Structure formats: structure tokens, C-alpha cells
Amino acid sequence: MSYTKNDMVYDDYSWTTRYTNDDPKVTGEPDSTLLNRKEGWEMLYFINKCGEKWNWAQNSIEAYKKLEKTIRQKVPSDIRSQQRIKTWIEENYKSFWNTI
């Protein structure tokens, strides 16, 4: 993972859920699993997975920070699954990316 806990913009996360490589719930793809936007480990996993899918450079911390802010500030709260959040960002980022 390239984006770490120390890189994160917000400091109000809980850090109780931890993914492991052998967790059968982790498919490696954003899916129908709901994303808890206040759970740090879930956010880190999702942010890094999106960066990987979008072929972002490992050292593009500012882009990862923008993605974190986008998820917390821009994605409507009624969009909750990982896949729907990813899709919403892909469809809407051009309207706000340079301002976040």
C-alpha cells in the first residue's frame, strides 16, 4: 500500500477493523461491501485499491489525499457500497477534482 495512516487528512477515524491477506471477505476489487467512511483501515484499503485500479503512481500522495477528501466531502452519503462510490467518483470527478 502506498497511502498510509500517517498520510491521511482526517484524524477522526476509528481503527478497529483490520483487513488481512487471508480474509475471505476481501476480494481485491471494490464490490458491494459497504464502506464505513469513518473506519480508517477500510478507507485505507479502499483508497489504495482505487489508486491501484487507476494506475496512480505509488508516490502520488496528494492524489490519494484528494481521493480521501472526495470520499468524505463529495460522494453523497446515500452511496455506500465500494463499487458505487468508485463509480460515482469516476463519473463525477471532473466537476470538482481541481477544487478539492
Protein backbone atom coordinates (compact mmCIF):
# COMPACT_ATOMS: atom_id res chain seq x y z
CA MET A 1 0.00 0.00 0.00
CA SER A 2 1.26 3.42 -0.82
CA TYR A 3 -1.16 5.59 1.18
CA THR A 4 -0.68 5.09 4.91
CA LYS A 5 -2.33 6.03 8.18
CA ASN A 6 0.24 8.80 8.62
CA ASP A 7 -0.65 10.29 5.23
CA MET A 8 -4.37 10.62 5.93
CA VAL A 9 -6.03 14.04 6.00
CA TYR A 10 -8.63 13.38 8.68
CA ASP A 11 -7.85 12.37 12.24
CA ASP A 12 -11.34 11.31 13.37
CA TYR A 13 -11.17 7.70 12.18
CA SER A 14 -11.68 4.67 14.35
CA TRP A 15 -9.09 1.97 13.80
CA THR A 16 -10.91 -1.19 14.82
CA THR A 17 -11.39 -3.17 11.59
CA ARG A 18 -8.25 -4.58 10.09
CA TYR A 19 -8.06 -6.46 6.81
CA THR A 20 -5.66 -9.35 6.44
CA ASN A 21 -4.49 -11.00 3.26
CA ASP A 22 -6.32 -14.22 4.08
CA ASP A 23 -9.66 -12.57 4.93
CA PRO A 24 -12.25 -14.30 2.68
CA LYS A 25 -14.34 -11.10 2.60
CA VAL A 26 -11.56 -9.25 0.78
CA THR A 27 -11.94 -9.92 -2.93
CA GLY A 28 -9.33 -7.49 -4.19
CA GLU A 29 -11.93 -5.47 -6.08
CA PRO A 30 -14.28 -2.74 -4.89
CA ASP A 31 -17.58 -4.59 -4.57
CA SER A 32 -20.98 -4.39 -2.91
CA THR A 33 -19.40 -4.23 0.55
CA LEU A 34 -20.44 -1.06 2.36
CA LEU A 35 -17.63 1.40 3.03
CA ASN A 36 -17.53 2.88 6.52
CA ARG A 37 -16.13 6.36 5.85
CA LYS A 38 -15.11 6.74 9.49
CA GLU A 39 -13.18 3.46 9.74
CA GLY A 40 -9.53 4.14 8.95
CA TRP A 41 -8.50 0.67 7.82
CA GLU A 42 -11.46 0.39 5.47
CA MET A 43 -10.70 3.80 3.99
CA LEU A 44 -7.01 3.00 3.55
CA TYR A 45 -7.81 -0.27 1.81
CA PHE A 46 -10.36 1.36 -0.50
CA ILE A 47 -8.20 4.39 -1.33
CA ASN A 48 -5.19 2.24 -2.14
CA LYS A 49 -7.28 -0.20 -4.17
CA CYS A 50 -8.72 2.65 -6.25
CA GLY A 51 -5.25 4.12 -6.78
CA GLU A 52 -4.06 0.72 -7.96
CA LYS A 53 -7.04 0.30 -10.32
CA TRP A 54 -6.48 3.76 -11.76
CA ASN A 55 -2.72 3.15 -12.16
CA TRP A 56 -1.68 6.00 -9.90
CA ALA A 57 1.99 6.39 -9.09
CA GLN A 58 2.97 4.99 -5.70
CA ASN A 59 4.35 8.39 -4.65
CA SER A 60 1.31 10.44 -5.65
CA ILE A 61 0.30 11.18 -2.05
CA GLU A 62 -1.51 14.40 -2.98
CA ALA A 63 -3.81 12.48 -5.33
CA TYR A 64 -4.56 9.97 -2.58
CA LYS A 65 -5.31 12.84 -0.18
CA LYS A 66 -7.72 14.29 -2.75
CA LEU A 67 -9.41 10.92 -3.05
CA GLU A 68 -9.81 10.70 0.72
CA LYS A 69 -11.35 14.20 0.79
CA THR A 70 -13.58 13.34 -2.16
CA ILE A 71 -14.97 10.29 -0.38
CA ARG A 72 -15.62 12.26 2.79
CA GLN A 73 -16.81 15.57 1.27
CA LYS A 74 -18.23 14.97 -2.19
CA VAL A 75 -19.67 11.46 -2.53
CA PRO A 76 -23.34 11.59 -1.49
CA SER A 77 -23.95 9.85 1.82
CA ASP A 78 -26.63 7.59 0.33
CA ILE A 79 -23.99 5.99 -1.93
CA ARG A 80 -22.42 3.44 0.38
CA SER A 81 -21.03 0.41 -1.43
CA GLN A 82 -17.42 0.40 -2.53
CA GLN A 83 -18.34 -0.19 -6.17
CA ARG A 84 -20.96 2.56 -6.25
CA ILE A 85 -18.56 5.04 -4.58
CA LYS A 86 -15.82 4.18 -7.09
CA THR A 87 -18.26 4.52 -10.00
CA TRP A 88 -19.62 7.84 -8.69
CA ILE A 89 -16.10 9.25 -8.44
CA GLU A 90 -15.22 8.05 -11.96
CA GLU A 91 -18.35 9.69 -13.35
CA ASN A 92 -18.12 12.98 -11.43
CA TYR A 93 -14.51 13.80 -10.58
CA LYS A 94 -14.02 16.23 -13.49
CA SER A 95 -16.53 18.62 -11.95
CA PHE A 96 -14.58 19.12 -8.71
CA TRP A 97 -11.16 17.44 -8.74
CA ASN A 98 -9.17 20.64 -9.28
CA THR A 99 -11.00 22.42 -6.46
CA ILE A 100 -10.60 19.85 -3.71
